[in-house]
Amino acid sequence: GTRNEKFNKSLADAKMQFTVGGAHELSPVLGEDWDRGVEHLEAAQNQVAATAKKNYFFVTYRGKKCIRINWRMFSQRVSLPFLDCSNDQDDKTTTWPAPSVELDALKETHRLNPVPFFDIDNTPMDPAGLLTNLVGAVVEVSFTLHHFAVKDSSGKPTSDTFTGRLVQLRVLRKA
C-alpha cells in the first residue's frame, strides 16, 4: 500500500496490515480448523477483556469472520562498536511509495525488519508482490496476540483493543 500523509506519525512506526480468513471453499477440513481456531481466539479475548467492546482483531469480510494481522516494518538500530550495523535491507526500499527524504533520514536510526513472508518453496517474498501472490492463497500464519485495555481519565475501562503481530507467514498453496 501507500503511506497516508494525513497521519503525522513517524514513518518509523509504519506497519503493514492485512486480513486473513478461512479456506472453507478450498477445503472443508481447513475451514473446520479455521472455525475452531476462531472460537479459541474469541475465548481468549473474552477471558482478558474488561469490557464488551473488543476492537480491531476480528473483522467481517464478505460475511465471514477474519482476523487482522500487522507487521512492524522498522526497528531501532542498535550500534555497538564491535558490530557491523550495515543492513542490506535498506537498498530494498528504493522503490517504496514513501517520501524519499523521510525514508532516507530513517535509515540512520532504524533498520528495515527482515520480511517474514515466505513462498511455497520457503524463499522470502518481495513485498511489492504480496497482494498479487497472497490473495486467494492458502497460508500458515504465526502471530502473537496482544491486548490493550483502554481507560478513561478516571481509570474506568472503556474498551479493549486486540492486535495480532505477525511472526511469519508461509504459503502452503498458491492462489
C-alpha atoms as a PDB file:
ATOM      1  CA  GLY A   1       0.000   0.000   0.000  1.00  0.00           C
ATOM      2  CA  THR A   2       0.915   3.633   0.221  1.00  0.00           C
ATOM      3  CA  ARG A   3       1.524   5.960   3.110  1.00  0.00           C
ATOM      4  CA  ASN A   4      -1.320   8.259   4.008  1.00  0.00           C
ATOM      5  CA  GLU A   5       0.174  11.717   4.548  1.00  0.00           C
ATOM      6  CA  LYS A   6      -2.728  12.966   6.694  1.00  0.00           C
ATOM      7  CA  PHE A   7      -1.415  10.858   9.575  1.00  0.00           C
ATOM      8  CA  ASN A   8       1.540  12.605  11.152  1.00  0.00           C
ATOM      9  CA  LYS A   9       3.184   9.639  12.866  1.00  0.00           C
ATOM     10  CA  SER A  10       6.776   8.928  12.032  1.00  0.00           C
ATOM     11  CA  LEU A  11       7.500   6.553   9.189  1.00  0.00           C
ATOM     12  CA  ALA A  12       9.421   4.545  11.813  1.00  0.00           C
ATOM     13  CA  ASP A  13       6.041   3.498  13.245  1.00  0.00           C
ATOM     14  CA  ALA A  14       4.777   2.121   9.916  1.00  0.00           C
ATOM     15  CA  LYS A  15       3.072  -1.255   9.988  1.00  0.00           C
ATOM     16  CA  MET A  16       1.878  -3.461   7.171  1.00  0.00           C
ATOM     17  CA  GLN A  17      -1.632  -4.681   7.920  1.00  0.00           C
ATOM     18  CA  PHE A  18      -3.619  -7.452   6.249  1.00  0.00           C
ATOM     19  CA  THR A  19      -6.676  -9.671   6.700  1.00  0.00           C
ATOM     20  CA  VAL A  20      -6.598 -13.470   6.971  1.00  0.00           C
ATOM     21  CA  GLY A  21      -9.674 -15.658   6.517  1.00  0.00           C
ATOM     22  CA  GLY A  22     -10.576 -19.336   6.450  1.00  0.00           C
ATOM     23  CA  ALA A  23     -10.148 -21.622   3.438  1.00  0.00           C
ATOM     24  CA  HIS A  24     -13.689 -23.035   3.572  1.00  0.00           C
ATOM     25  CA  GLU A  25     -14.144 -23.036  -0.224  1.00  0.00           C
ATOM     26  CA  LEU A  26     -10.869 -24.868  -0.864  1.00  0.00           C
ATOM     27  CA  SER A  27     -11.035 -27.464   1.883  1.00  0.00           C
ATOM     28  CA  PRO A  28     -13.784 -28.360   4.357  1.00  0.00           C
ATOM     29  CA  VAL A  29     -11.120 -29.676   6.756  1.00  0.00           C
ATOM     30  CA  LEU A  30      -9.178 -26.392   6.695  1.00  0.00           C
ATOM     31  CA  GLY A  31     -12.459 -24.498   7.057  1.00  0.00           C
ATOM     32  CA  GLU A  32     -13.371 -26.503  10.164  1.00  0.00           C
ATOM     33  CA  ASP A  33      -9.892 -25.926  11.614  1.00  0.00           C
ATOM     34  CA  TRP A  34     -10.274 -22.202  10.947  1.00  0.00           C
ATOM     35  CA  ASP A  35     -13.639 -22.082  12.721  1.00  0.00           C
ATOM     36  CA  ARG A  36     -12.223 -23.945  15.722  1.00  0.00           C
ATOM     37  CA  GLY A  37      -9.231 -21.588  15.859  1.00  0.00           C
ATOM     38  CA  VAL A  38     -11.529 -18.542  15.745  1.00  0.00           C
ATOM     39  CA  GLU A  39     -13.558 -19.981  18.637  1.00  0.00           C
ATOM     40  CA  HIS A  40     -10.393 -20.368  20.715  1.00  0.00           C
ATOM     41  CA  LEU A  41      -9.200 -16.844  19.890  1.00  0.00           C
ATOM     42  CA  GLU A  42     -12.617 -15.432  20.825  1.00  0.00           C
ATOM     43  CA  ALA A  43     -12.488 -17.350  24.125  1.00  0.00           C
ATOM     44  CA  ALA A  44      -9.028 -15.903  24.834  1.00  0.00           C
ATOM     45  CA  GLN A  45     -10.321 -12.383  24.142  1.00  0.00           C
ATOM     46  CA  ASN A  46     -13.317 -12.918  26.409  1.00  0.00           C
ATOM     47  CA  GLN A  47     -11.114 -14.123  29.261  1.00  0.00           C
ATOM     48  CA  VAL A  48      -8.983 -10.982  29.364  1.00  0.00           C
ATOM     49  CA  ALA A  49     -11.367  -8.260  28.136  1.00  0.00           C
ATOM     50  CA  ALA A  50     -12.665  -5.849  30.770  1.00  0.00           C
ATOM     51  CA  THR A  51     -15.475  -4.566  28.518  1.00  0.00           C
ATOM     52  CA  ALA A  52     -17.860  -5.852  25.874  1.00  0.00           C
ATOM     53  CA  LYS A  53     -16.173  -3.622  23.274  1.00  0.00           C
ATOM     54  CA  LYS A  54     -13.356  -5.634  21.678  1.00  0.00           C
ATOM     55  CA  ASN A  55     -11.702  -3.715  18.839  1.00  0.00           C
ATOM     56  CA  TYR A  56      -9.577  -4.360  15.751  1.00  0.00           C
ATOM     57  CA  PHE A  57      -8.618  -8.056  15.787  1.00  0.00           C
ATOM     58  CA  PHE A  58     -11.739  -9.672  14.309  1.00  0.00           C
ATOM     59  CA  VAL A  59     -13.290  -8.204  11.170  1.00  0.00           C
ATOM     60  CA  THR A  60     -16.049  -9.396   8.867  1.00  0.00           C
ATOM     61  CA  TYR A  61     -15.192  -9.690   5.183  1.00  0.00           C
ATOM     62  CA  ARG A  62     -17.775 -10.953   2.673  1.00  0.00           C
ATOM     63  CA  GLY A  63     -19.867 -12.246   5.541  1.00  0.00           C
ATOM     64  CA  LYS A  64     -17.019 -14.315   7.031  1.00  0.00           C
ATOM     65  CA  LYS A  65     -15.125 -13.771  10.280  1.00  0.00           C
ATOM     66  CA  CYS A  66     -11.491 -12.888   9.591  1.00  0.00           C
ATOM     67  CA  ILE A  67      -8.558 -11.654  11.642  1.00  0.00           C
ATOM     68  CA  ARG A  68      -6.353  -8.603  11.186  1.00  0.00           C
ATOM     69  CA  ILE A  69      -2.600  -9.070  11.453  1.00  0.00           C
ATOM     70  CA  ASN A  70       0.107  -6.412  11.325  1.00  0.00           C
ATOM     71  CA  TRP A  71       3.860  -6.419  10.876  1.00  0.00           C
ATOM     72  CA  ARG A  72       6.084  -3.647  12.203  1.00  0.00           C
ATOM     73  CA  MET A  73       8.294  -2.685   9.272  1.00  0.00           C
ATOM     74  CA  PHE A  74      11.125  -0.878  11.093  1.00  0.00           C
ATOM     75  CA  SER A  75      13.037  -1.264  14.343  1.00  0.00           C
ATOM     76  CA  GLN A  76      15.545   0.965  16.120  1.00  0.00           C
ATOM     77  CA  ARG A  77      19.161   0.408  15.120  1.00  0.00           C
ATOM     78  CA  VAL A  78      21.462  -0.764  17.886  1.00  0.00           C
ATOM     79  CA  SER A  79      25.048   0.383  17.435  1.00  0.00           C
ATOM     80  CA  LEU A  80      27.820  -1.498  19.153  1.00  0.00           C
ATOM     81  CA  PRO A  81      31.478  -0.610  18.493  1.00  0.00           C
ATOM     82  CA  PHE A  82      32.400  -4.200  17.625  1.00  0.00           C
ATOM     83  CA  LEU A  83      29.334  -4.898  15.470  1.00  0.00           C
ATOM     84  CA  ASP A  84      28.872  -4.007  11.811  1.00  0.00           C
ATOM     85  CA  CYS A  85      25.389  -2.481  11.689  1.00  0.00           C
ATOM     86  CA  SER A  86      25.052  -2.321   7.924  1.00  0.00           C
ATOM     87  CA  ASN A  87      21.721  -3.515   6.598  1.00  0.00           C
ATOM     88  CA  ASP A  88      21.354  -4.723   3.023  1.00  0.00           C
ATOM     89  CA  GLN A  89      17.584  -4.400   3.513  1.00  0.00           C
ATOM     90  CA  ASP A  90      17.951  -0.604   3.188  1.00  0.00           C
ATOM     91  CA  ASP A  91      18.551  -0.921  -0.551  1.00  0.00           C
ATOM     92  CA  LYS A  92      15.224  -2.725  -0.940  1.00  0.00           C
ATOM     93  CA  THR A  93      13.253   0.398  -0.016  1.00  0.00           C
ATOM     94  CA  THR A  94      14.281   2.497  -3.032  1.00  0.00           C
ATOM     95  CA  THR A  95      11.032   1.786  -4.916  1.00  0.00           C
ATOM     96  CA  TRP A  96       8.687   2.112  -1.941  1.00  0.00           C
ATOM     97  CA  PRO A  97       5.800   4.583  -2.258  1.00  0.00           C
ATOM     98  CA  ALA A  98       7.028   6.664   0.674  1.00  0.00           C
ATOM     99  CA  PRO A  99       8.570  10.136   0.936  1.00  0.00           C
ATOM    100  CA  SER A 100      12.194   9.501  -0.040  1.00  0.00           C
ATOM    101  CA  VAL A 101      13.578  12.287   2.188  1.00  0.00           C
ATOM    102  CA  GLU A 102      11.890  10.806   5.273  1.00  0.00           C
ATOM    103  CA  LEU A 103      12.837   7.256   4.297  1.00  0.00           C
ATOM    104  CA  ASP A 104      16.499   8.220   3.784  1.00  0.00           C
ATOM    105  CA  ALA A 105      16.605  10.030   7.151  1.00  0.00           C
ATOM    106  CA  LEU A 106      15.066   6.997   8.831  1.00  0.00           C
ATOM    107  CA  LYS A 107      17.910   4.757   7.631  1.00  0.00           C
ATOM    108  CA  GLU A 108      20.283   6.449  10.083  1.00  0.00           C
ATOM    109  CA  THR A 109      18.267   5.473  13.160  1.00  0.00           C
ATOM    110  CA  HIS A 110      16.173   2.488  12.086  1.00  0.00           C
ATOM    111  CA  ARG A 111      16.531  -0.694  10.090  1.00  0.00           C
ATOM    112  CA  LEU A 112      14.037  -2.445   7.861  1.00  0.00           C
ATOM    113  CA  ASN A 113      12.977  -5.631   9.590  1.00  0.00           C
ATOM    114  CA  PRO A 114      13.529  -8.820   7.592  1.00  0.00           C
ATOM    115  CA  VAL A 115      10.415  -9.634   5.583  1.00  0.00           C
ATOM    116  CA  PRO A 116       8.582 -12.514   7.329  1.00  0.00           C
ATOM    117  CA  PHE A 117       6.643 -13.618   4.233  1.00  0.00           C
ATOM    118  CA  PHE A 118       7.776 -16.869   2.599  1.00  0.00           C
ATOM    119  CA  ASP A 119       6.703 -18.502  -0.651  1.00  0.00           C
ATOM    120  CA  ILE A 120       5.799 -22.168  -1.040  1.00  0.00           C
ATOM    121  CA  ASP A 121       9.498 -23.036  -1.513  1.00  0.00           C
ATOM    122  CA  ASN A 122      10.448 -21.083   1.676  1.00  0.00           C
ATOM    123  CA  THR A 123      12.087 -18.207  -0.229  1.00  0.00           C
ATOM    124  CA  PRO A 124      11.371 -14.698   1.088  1.00  0.00           C
ATOM    125  CA  MET A 125       8.639 -12.893  -0.846  1.00  0.00           C
ATOM    126  CA  ASP A 126       9.118  -9.438  -2.347  1.00  0.00           C
ATOM    127  CA  PRO A 127       6.785  -7.032  -0.501  1.00  0.00           C
ATOM    128  CA  ALA A 128       5.839  -5.433  -3.832  1.00  0.00           C
ATOM    129  CA  GLY A 129       4.204  -8.712  -4.936  1.00  0.00           C
ATOM    130  CA  LEU A 130       2.414  -9.631  -1.723  1.00  0.00           C
ATOM    131  CA  LEU A 131      -1.049  -8.547  -2.828  1.00  0.00           C
ATOM    132  CA  THR A 132      -0.777 -10.408  -6.123  1.00  0.00           C
ATOM    133  CA  ASN A 133       0.663 -13.567  -4.588  1.00  0.00           C
ATOM    134  CA  LEU A 134      -1.301 -13.861  -1.359  1.00  0.00           C
ATOM    135  CA  VAL A 135      -4.927 -13.082  -2.219  1.00  0.00           C
ATOM    136  CA  GLY A 136      -6.613 -16.479  -2.505  1.00  0.00           C
ATOM    137  CA  ALA A 137      -3.559 -18.458  -1.375  1.00  0.00           C
ATOM    138  CA  VAL A 138      -3.644 -20.950   1.489  1.00  0.00           C
ATOM    139  CA  VAL A 139      -1.161 -19.751   4.097  1.00  0.00           C
ATOM    140  CA  GLU A 140       0.150 -20.653   7.512  1.00  0.00           C
ATOM    141  CA  VAL A 141       0.303 -17.592   9.758  1.00  0.00           C
ATOM    142  CA  SER A 142       2.205 -17.454  13.038  1.00  0.00           C
ATOM    143  CA  PHE A 143       1.404 -14.443  15.191  1.00  0.00           C
ATOM    144  CA  THR A 144       1.228 -13.198  18.746  1.00  0.00           C
ATOM    145  CA  LEU A 145      -1.980 -11.753  20.175  1.00  0.00           C
ATOM    146  CA  HIS A 146      -1.669  -8.534  22.192  1.00  0.00           C
ATOM    147  CA  HIS A 147      -4.244  -6.832  24.415  1.00  0.00           C
ATOM    148  CA  PHE A 148      -4.513  -3.178  25.372  1.00  0.00           C
ATOM    149  CA  ALA A 149      -7.096  -2.023  27.938  1.00  0.00           C
ATOM    150  CA  VAL A 150      -8.318   1.474  27.072  1.00  0.00           C
ATOM    151  CA  LYS A 151      -9.461   3.527  30.072  1.00  0.00           C
ATOM    152  CA  ASP A 152     -10.981   6.952  30.536  1.00  0.00           C
ATOM    153  CA  SER A 153      -9.397   9.681  32.679  1.00  0.00           C
ATOM    154  CA  SER A 154     -10.867   8.188  35.873  1.00  0.00           C
ATOM    155  CA  GLY A 155      -9.330   4.798  35.134  1.00  0.00           C
ATOM    156  CA  LYS A 156     -12.611   3.136  34.170  1.00  0.00           C
ATOM    157  CA  PRO A 157     -12.238   0.643  31.270  1.00  0.00           C
ATOM    158  CA  THR A 158     -13.953   1.881  28.087  1.00  0.00           C
ATOM    159  CA  SER A 159     -12.815  -0.672  25.508  1.00  0.00           C
ATOM    160  CA  ASP A 160     -10.356  -3.437  24.777  1.00  0.00           C
ATOM    161  CA  THR A 161      -8.063  -3.391  21.769  1.00  0.00           C
ATOM    162  CA  PHE A 162      -6.549  -6.589  20.419  1.00  0.00           C
ATOM    163  CA  THR A 163      -3.889  -6.841  17.768  1.00  0.00           C
ATOM    164  CA  GLY A 164      -2.206  -9.748  16.035  1.00  0.00           C
ATOM    165  CA  ARG A 165       1.509  -9.206  15.370  1.00  0.00           C
ATOM    166  CA  LEU A 166       2.983 -11.276  12.577  1.00  0.00           C
ATOM    167  CA  VAL A 167       5.843 -13.623  13.338  1.00  0.00           C
ATOM    168  CA  GLN A 168       5.848 -15.422   9.978  1.00  0.00           C
ATOM    169  CA  LEU A 169       3.572 -16.144   7.025  1.00  0.00           C
ATOM    170  CA  ARG A 170       4.257 -19.084   4.728  1.00  0.00           C
ATOM    171  CA  VAL A 171       2.398 -20.022   1.533  1.00  0.00           C
ATOM    172  CA  LEU A 172       1.137 -23.612   1.578  1.00  0.00           C
ATOM    173  CA  ARG A 173      -0.799 -23.452  -1.690  1.00  0.00           C
ATOM    174  CA  LYS A 174      -0.584 -20.722  -4.312  1.00  0.00           C
ATOM    175  CA  ALA A 175      -3.688 -18.841  -5.398  1.00  0.00           C
END
